[in-house]
N, C-alpha and C. Protein backbone atom coordinates (compact mmCIF):
# COMPACT_ATOMS: atom_id res chain seq x y z
N MET A 1 48.38 135.04 99.96
CA MET A 1 48.31 133.61 100.23
C MET A 1 47.44 132.94 99.17
N ASN A 2 47.84 131.75 98.78
CA ASN A 2 47.19 131.05 97.69
C ASN A 2 46.18 130.02 98.23
N PHE A 3 44.96 130.05 97.68
CA PHE A 3 43.90 129.11 98.01
C PHE A 3 43.32 128.56 96.70
N PRO A 4 44.00 127.59 96.07
CA PRO A 4 43.54 127.10 94.76
C PRO A 4 42.09 126.61 94.80
N GLU A 5 41.32 127.09 93.84
CA GLU A 5 39.89 126.77 93.76
C GLU A 5 39.63 125.31 93.40
N ASN A 6 40.60 124.64 92.75
CA ASN A 6 40.37 123.26 92.28
C ASN A 6 40.65 122.21 93.36
N LEU A 7 40.93 122.65 94.58
CA LEU A 7 41.23 121.74 95.67
C LEU A 7 40.10 121.73 96.69
N LYS A 8 40.05 120.66 97.48
CA LYS A 8 39.18 120.58 98.65
C LYS A 8 40.10 120.59 99.87
N TYR A 9 39.60 121.09 100.99
CA TYR A 9 40.42 121.32 102.18
C TYR A 9 39.80 120.69 103.42
N THR A 10 40.66 120.33 104.39
CA THR A 10 40.18 119.87 105.68
C THR A 10 40.36 120.99 106.70
N LYS A 11 39.68 120.86 107.83
CA LYS A 11 39.85 121.82 108.91
C LYS A 11 41.23 121.69 109.54
N ASP A 12 41.90 120.55 109.28
CA ASP A 12 43.25 120.32 109.81
C ASP A 12 44.34 120.78 108.85
N HIS A 13 43.96 121.48 107.77
CA HIS A 13 44.88 122.14 106.84
C HIS A 13 45.52 121.23 105.79
N GLU A 14 44.89 120.09 105.51
CA GLU A 14 45.32 119.29 104.37
C GLU A 14 44.48 119.70 103.16
N TRP A 15 45.04 119.46 101.98
CA TRP A 15 44.30 119.67 100.74
C TRP A 15 44.31 118.37 99.95
N ILE A 16 43.31 118.23 99.06
CA ILE A 16 43.26 117.08 98.17
C ILE A 16 42.81 117.56 96.79
N HIS A 17 43.47 117.01 95.78
CA HIS A 17 43.07 117.23 94.39
C HIS A 17 42.73 115.86 93.82
N VAL A 18 41.51 115.70 93.33
CA VAL A 18 41.08 114.41 92.82
C VAL A 18 41.01 114.44 91.30
N ASP A 19 41.63 113.43 90.69
CA ASP A 19 41.59 113.22 89.24
C ASP A 19 41.16 111.78 89.03
N GLY A 20 39.91 111.59 88.63
CA GLY A 20 39.36 110.24 88.52
C GLY A 20 39.19 109.66 89.91
N THR A 21 39.89 108.56 90.19
CA THR A 21 39.82 107.96 91.52
C THR A 21 41.09 108.21 92.34
N THR A 22 42.01 109.00 91.79
CA THR A 22 43.27 109.29 92.48
C THR A 22 43.23 110.66 93.13
N GLY A 23 43.51 110.67 94.42
CA GLY A 23 43.59 111.93 95.16
C GLY A 23 45.02 112.22 95.55
N THR A 24 45.49 113.42 95.24
CA THR A 24 46.81 113.87 95.67
C THR A 24 46.61 114.74 96.90
N VAL A 25 47.40 114.48 97.96
CA VAL A 25 47.20 115.13 99.25
C VAL A 25 48.47 115.85 99.69
N GLY A 26 48.29 117.01 100.30
CA GLY A 26 49.40 117.75 100.89
C GLY A 26 48.87 118.66 101.98
N ILE A 27 49.73 119.55 102.48
CA ILE A 27 49.26 120.55 103.44
C ILE A 27 49.21 121.91 102.75
N THR A 28 48.40 122.77 103.30
CA THR A 28 48.16 124.06 102.68
C THR A 28 49.31 125.04 102.87
N GLU A 29 49.30 126.07 102.06
CA GLU A 29 50.28 127.14 102.20
C GLU A 29 50.18 127.77 103.59
N TYR A 30 48.97 127.93 104.07
CA TYR A 30 48.76 128.49 105.41
C TYR A 30 49.45 127.60 106.46
N ALA A 31 49.23 126.28 106.38
CA ALA A 31 49.79 125.35 107.36
C ALA A 31 51.31 125.36 107.35
N GLN A 32 51.91 125.32 106.17
CA GLN A 32 53.37 125.31 106.13
C GLN A 32 53.94 126.62 106.67
N GLY A 33 53.23 127.73 106.46
CA GLY A 33 53.67 129.01 107.00
C GLY A 33 53.60 129.05 108.52
N GLU A 34 52.57 128.43 109.07
CA GLU A 34 52.42 128.37 110.53
C GLU A 34 53.48 127.46 111.15
N LEU A 35 53.83 126.38 110.46
CA LEU A 35 54.83 125.44 110.98
C LEU A 35 56.24 126.02 110.94
N GLY A 36 56.53 126.79 109.91
CA GLY A 36 57.90 127.28 109.72
C GLY A 36 58.67 126.31 108.84
N ASP A 37 59.98 126.36 108.93
CA ASP A 37 60.83 125.54 108.06
C ASP A 37 60.64 124.06 108.34
N VAL A 38 60.17 123.33 107.33
CA VAL A 38 59.96 121.89 107.45
C VAL A 38 61.30 121.18 107.35
N VAL A 39 61.57 120.29 108.32
CA VAL A 39 62.85 119.59 108.36
C VAL A 39 62.72 118.08 108.16
N PHE A 40 61.50 117.53 108.29
CA PHE A 40 61.32 116.09 108.14
C PHE A 40 59.84 115.79 107.90
N VAL A 41 59.58 114.84 107.00
CA VAL A 41 58.21 114.38 106.75
C VAL A 41 58.23 112.85 106.81
N GLU A 42 57.39 112.28 107.67
CA GLU A 42 57.25 110.83 107.77
C GLU A 42 55.97 110.43 107.05
N LEU A 43 56.10 109.57 106.04
CA LEU A 43 54.96 109.16 105.23
C LEU A 43 54.75 107.66 105.32
N PRO A 44 53.53 107.18 105.03
CA PRO A 44 53.21 105.76 105.14
C PRO A 44 53.74 104.95 103.95
N ALA A 45 53.63 103.65 104.06
CA ALA A 45 54.00 102.76 102.97
C ALA A 45 52.88 102.70 101.94
N VAL A 46 53.27 102.52 100.68
CA VAL A 46 52.29 102.29 99.62
C VAL A 46 51.49 101.05 99.99
N GLY A 47 50.19 101.11 99.77
CA GLY A 47 49.31 99.98 100.08
C GLY A 47 48.57 100.14 101.40
N LYS A 48 48.95 101.11 102.22
CA LYS A 48 48.28 101.32 103.51
C LYS A 48 46.87 101.84 103.27
N ASN A 49 45.91 101.24 103.95
CA ASN A 49 44.52 101.68 103.88
C ASN A 49 44.27 102.71 104.97
N LEU A 50 43.57 103.78 104.62
CA LEU A 50 43.28 104.86 105.56
C LEU A 50 41.79 105.15 105.59
N ARG A 51 41.30 105.48 106.77
CA ARG A 51 39.94 106.00 106.90
C ARG A 51 40.01 107.52 106.85
N GLN A 52 38.89 108.14 106.50
CA GLN A 52 38.85 109.60 106.48
C GLN A 52 39.27 110.15 107.84
N LEU A 53 40.15 111.15 107.82
CA LEU A 53 40.67 111.87 108.97
C LEU A 53 41.60 111.03 109.85
N GLU A 54 42.02 109.86 109.36
CA GLU A 54 43.01 109.06 110.07
C GLU A 54 44.40 109.63 109.80
N SER A 55 45.26 109.60 110.82
CA SER A 55 46.62 110.09 110.66
C SER A 55 47.39 109.16 109.71
N PHE A 56 48.12 109.77 108.77
CA PHE A 56 48.92 108.95 107.86
C PHE A 56 50.41 109.25 107.96
N GLY A 57 50.80 110.14 108.86
CA GLY A 57 52.21 110.47 109.01
C GLY A 57 52.37 111.70 109.87
N THR A 58 53.60 112.21 109.88
CA THR A 58 53.89 113.42 110.64
C THR A 58 54.76 114.35 109.82
N ILE A 59 54.69 115.62 110.20
CA ILE A 59 55.54 116.63 109.59
C ILE A 59 56.24 117.36 110.73
N GLU A 60 57.55 117.47 110.62
CA GLU A 60 58.34 118.10 111.66
C GLU A 60 58.93 119.39 111.10
N ALA A 61 58.76 120.45 111.86
CA ALA A 61 59.30 121.75 111.48
C ALA A 61 60.07 122.31 112.67
N VAL A 62 60.69 123.44 112.44
CA VAL A 62 61.46 124.10 113.50
C VAL A 62 60.57 124.38 114.71
N LYS A 63 59.32 124.78 114.46
CA LYS A 63 58.43 125.19 115.53
C LYS A 63 57.66 124.05 116.19
N ALA A 64 57.37 122.96 115.44
CA ALA A 64 56.46 121.94 115.97
C ALA A 64 56.52 120.66 115.15
N VAL A 65 55.91 119.61 115.72
CA VAL A 65 55.65 118.37 114.99
C VAL A 65 54.14 118.22 114.93
N SER A 66 53.62 117.91 113.75
CA SER A 66 52.17 117.79 113.59
C SER A 66 51.83 116.50 112.85
N ASP A 67 50.68 115.94 113.20
CA ASP A 67 50.17 114.79 112.46
C ASP A 67 49.59 115.25 111.13
N LEU A 68 49.60 114.34 110.17
CA LEU A 68 48.99 114.54 108.86
C LEU A 68 47.75 113.65 108.79
N PHE A 69 46.64 114.19 108.29
CA PHE A 69 45.39 113.45 108.28
C PHE A 69 44.85 113.29 106.86
N SER A 70 44.31 112.10 106.58
CA SER A 70 43.76 111.82 105.26
C SER A 70 42.41 112.52 105.08
N PRO A 71 42.25 113.30 104.02
CA PRO A 71 40.98 113.99 103.79
C PRO A 71 39.82 113.02 103.49
N VAL A 72 40.14 111.85 102.94
CA VAL A 72 39.12 110.88 102.55
C VAL A 72 39.62 109.46 102.81
N THR A 73 38.71 108.51 102.75
CA THR A 73 39.06 107.10 102.87
C THR A 73 39.71 106.63 101.57
N GLY A 74 40.79 105.85 101.70
CA GLY A 74 41.45 105.36 100.49
C GLY A 74 42.66 104.52 100.81
N THR A 75 43.35 104.12 99.75
CA THR A 75 44.55 103.30 99.85
C THR A 75 45.72 104.08 99.25
N ILE A 76 46.83 104.16 99.97
CA ILE A 76 48.01 104.88 99.49
C ILE A 76 48.53 104.20 98.23
N SER A 77 48.64 104.98 97.15
CA SER A 77 49.14 104.45 95.88
C SER A 77 50.52 104.99 95.54
N ALA A 78 50.94 106.09 96.17
CA ALA A 78 52.27 106.66 95.95
C ALA A 78 52.60 107.60 97.09
N VAL A 79 53.90 107.73 97.37
CA VAL A 79 54.38 108.73 98.33
C VAL A 79 55.42 109.57 97.62
N ASN A 80 55.55 110.81 98.05
CA ASN A 80 56.52 111.73 97.46
C ASN A 80 57.88 111.44 98.07
N LYS A 81 58.65 110.60 97.39
CA LYS A 81 59.97 110.21 97.89
C LYS A 81 60.95 111.38 97.91
N GLY A 82 60.68 112.42 97.13
CA GLY A 82 61.54 113.60 97.11
C GLY A 82 61.58 114.34 98.43
N LEU A 83 60.55 114.15 99.27
CA LEU A 83 60.51 114.85 100.55
C LEU A 83 61.53 114.31 101.54
N ALA A 84 61.97 113.05 101.36
CA ALA A 84 62.97 112.49 102.26
C ALA A 84 64.28 113.28 102.19
N ALA A 85 64.70 113.61 100.98
CA ALA A 85 65.94 114.37 100.79
C ALA A 85 65.72 115.88 100.85
N SER A 86 64.52 116.33 100.49
CA SER A 86 64.24 117.77 100.41
C SER A 86 62.89 118.11 101.05
N PRO A 87 62.77 117.98 102.37
CA PRO A 87 61.49 118.29 103.01
C PRO A 87 61.07 119.74 102.84
N GLU A 88 62.04 120.60 102.53
CA GLU A 88 61.73 122.03 102.34
C GLU A 88 60.83 122.27 101.13
N LEU A 89 60.63 121.26 100.27
CA LEU A 89 59.70 121.40 99.14
C LEU A 89 58.30 121.74 99.63
N VAL A 90 57.96 121.29 100.83
CA VAL A 90 56.65 121.61 101.40
C VAL A 90 56.53 123.12 101.60
N ASN A 91 57.60 123.78 102.00
CA ASN A 91 57.59 125.24 102.17
C ASN A 91 57.62 125.96 100.83
N LYS A 92 58.44 125.47 99.92
CA LYS A 92 58.64 126.15 98.64
C LYS A 92 57.46 126.01 97.69
N ASP A 93 56.80 124.84 97.68
CA ASP A 93 55.76 124.56 96.69
C ASP A 93 54.72 123.60 97.29
N PRO A 94 53.93 124.06 98.29
CA PRO A 94 53.02 123.15 98.98
C PRO A 94 51.95 122.53 98.09
N TYR A 95 51.58 123.20 97.00
CA TYR A 95 50.53 122.66 96.12
C TYR A 95 51.10 121.97 94.89
N GLY A 96 52.42 121.89 94.78
CA GLY A 96 53.05 121.27 93.63
C GLY A 96 54.02 120.19 94.07
N GLU A 97 55.32 120.49 93.99
CA GLU A 97 56.35 119.51 94.33
C GLU A 97 56.33 119.08 95.79
N GLY A 98 55.63 119.82 96.64
CA GLY A 98 55.55 119.48 98.06
C GLY A 98 54.39 118.57 98.42
N TRP A 99 53.72 117.97 97.42
CA TRP A 99 52.64 117.02 97.73
C TRP A 99 53.20 115.89 98.58
N MET A 100 52.34 115.18 99.28
CA MET A 100 52.81 114.14 100.20
C MET A 100 52.47 112.73 99.76
N VAL A 101 51.19 112.46 99.54
CA VAL A 101 50.77 111.12 99.13
C VAL A 101 49.72 111.19 98.03
N LYS A 102 49.62 110.11 97.30
CA LYS A 102 48.51 109.89 96.38
C LYS A 102 47.76 108.69 96.91
N LEU A 103 46.44 108.76 96.84
CA LEU A 103 45.65 107.62 97.28
C LEU A 103 44.52 107.34 96.32
N THR A 104 44.12 106.08 96.29
CA THR A 104 42.96 105.67 95.52
C THR A 104 41.75 105.93 96.41
N VAL A 105 40.88 106.84 95.99
CA VAL A 105 39.72 107.24 96.77
C VAL A 105 38.68 106.13 96.71
N THR A 106 38.30 105.61 97.88
CA THR A 106 37.32 104.51 97.90
C THR A 106 35.92 104.96 98.31
N ASN A 107 35.79 106.18 98.80
CA ASN A 107 34.46 106.70 99.16
C ASN A 107 34.36 108.15 98.70
N PRO A 108 34.12 108.35 97.38
CA PRO A 108 34.11 109.72 96.84
C PRO A 108 33.06 110.63 97.46
N SER A 109 32.03 110.08 98.07
CA SER A 109 31.00 110.93 98.68
C SER A 109 31.58 111.77 99.82
N GLU A 110 32.69 111.33 100.41
CA GLU A 110 33.31 112.10 101.50
C GLU A 110 33.84 113.44 101.03
N LEU A 111 34.13 113.57 99.75
CA LEU A 111 34.63 114.84 99.22
C LEU A 111 33.64 115.97 99.45
N GLY A 112 32.36 115.64 99.44
CA GLY A 112 31.32 116.64 99.64
C GLY A 112 31.35 117.28 101.01
N GLY A 113 31.95 116.62 101.99
CA GLY A 113 32.02 117.15 103.34
C GLY A 113 33.25 118.01 103.60
N LEU A 114 34.13 118.10 102.60
CA LEU A 114 35.34 118.91 102.75
C LEU A 114 35.06 120.37 102.43
N LEU A 115 35.99 121.23 102.77
CA LEU A 115 35.81 122.67 102.58
C LEU A 115 36.21 123.10 101.17
N SER A 116 35.47 124.07 100.64
CA SER A 116 35.87 124.73 99.39
C SER A 116 36.98 125.72 99.70
N ALA A 117 37.60 126.27 98.67
CA ALA A 117 38.64 127.28 98.86
C ALA A 117 38.10 128.48 99.64
N VAL A 118 36.89 128.91 99.32
CA VAL A 118 36.29 130.06 100.00
C VAL A 118 36.06 129.75 101.48
N ALA A 119 35.54 128.55 101.77
CA ALA A 119 35.27 128.18 103.16
C ALA A 119 36.58 128.01 103.94
N TYR A 120 37.60 127.45 103.31
CA TYR A 120 38.88 127.27 103.99
C TYR A 120 39.53 128.64 104.27
N LYS A 121 39.45 129.52 103.31
CA LYS A 121 40.00 130.87 103.49
C LYS A 121 39.34 131.56 104.67
N ALA A 122 38.01 131.40 104.79
CA ALA A 122 37.29 131.99 105.92
C ALA A 122 37.72 131.33 107.23
N LEU A 123 37.96 130.03 107.21
CA LEU A 123 38.37 129.30 108.41
C LEU A 123 39.68 129.85 108.97
N VAL A 124 40.62 130.14 108.09
CA VAL A 124 41.93 130.61 108.55
C VAL A 124 41.99 132.14 108.66
N GLY A 125 40.89 132.80 108.34
CA GLY A 125 40.81 134.25 108.53
C GLY A 125 41.60 135.07 107.55
N LYS A 126 41.71 134.60 106.32
CA LYS A 126 42.46 135.34 105.30
C LYS A 126 41.54 135.91 104.25
């Protein structure tokens, strides 16, 4: 199982990669494996403001439907439109083509409260 060191993680299994003020968000390899085959992803509109840990959408899989939570406070700047036609990208490439949203991070200090790869790995017992 892959736990990229350059990402920060939430206890709810989202990841974020920050480049400048832009954060790219998705769900972890562990989370997509637990969900099973992803069949639908509901994402917010560009421009939506989110607070840290606020739900920004849902992911539906064969086994369950789960909420998606923002790792940090910010404003949605892009959504992965490719997931509408190919939600299975979340299963195939959760840290690449399966990303979900990009947001402009408005409170970078919140990143310090997220989990490192080592801490997230310990959380999921891998």
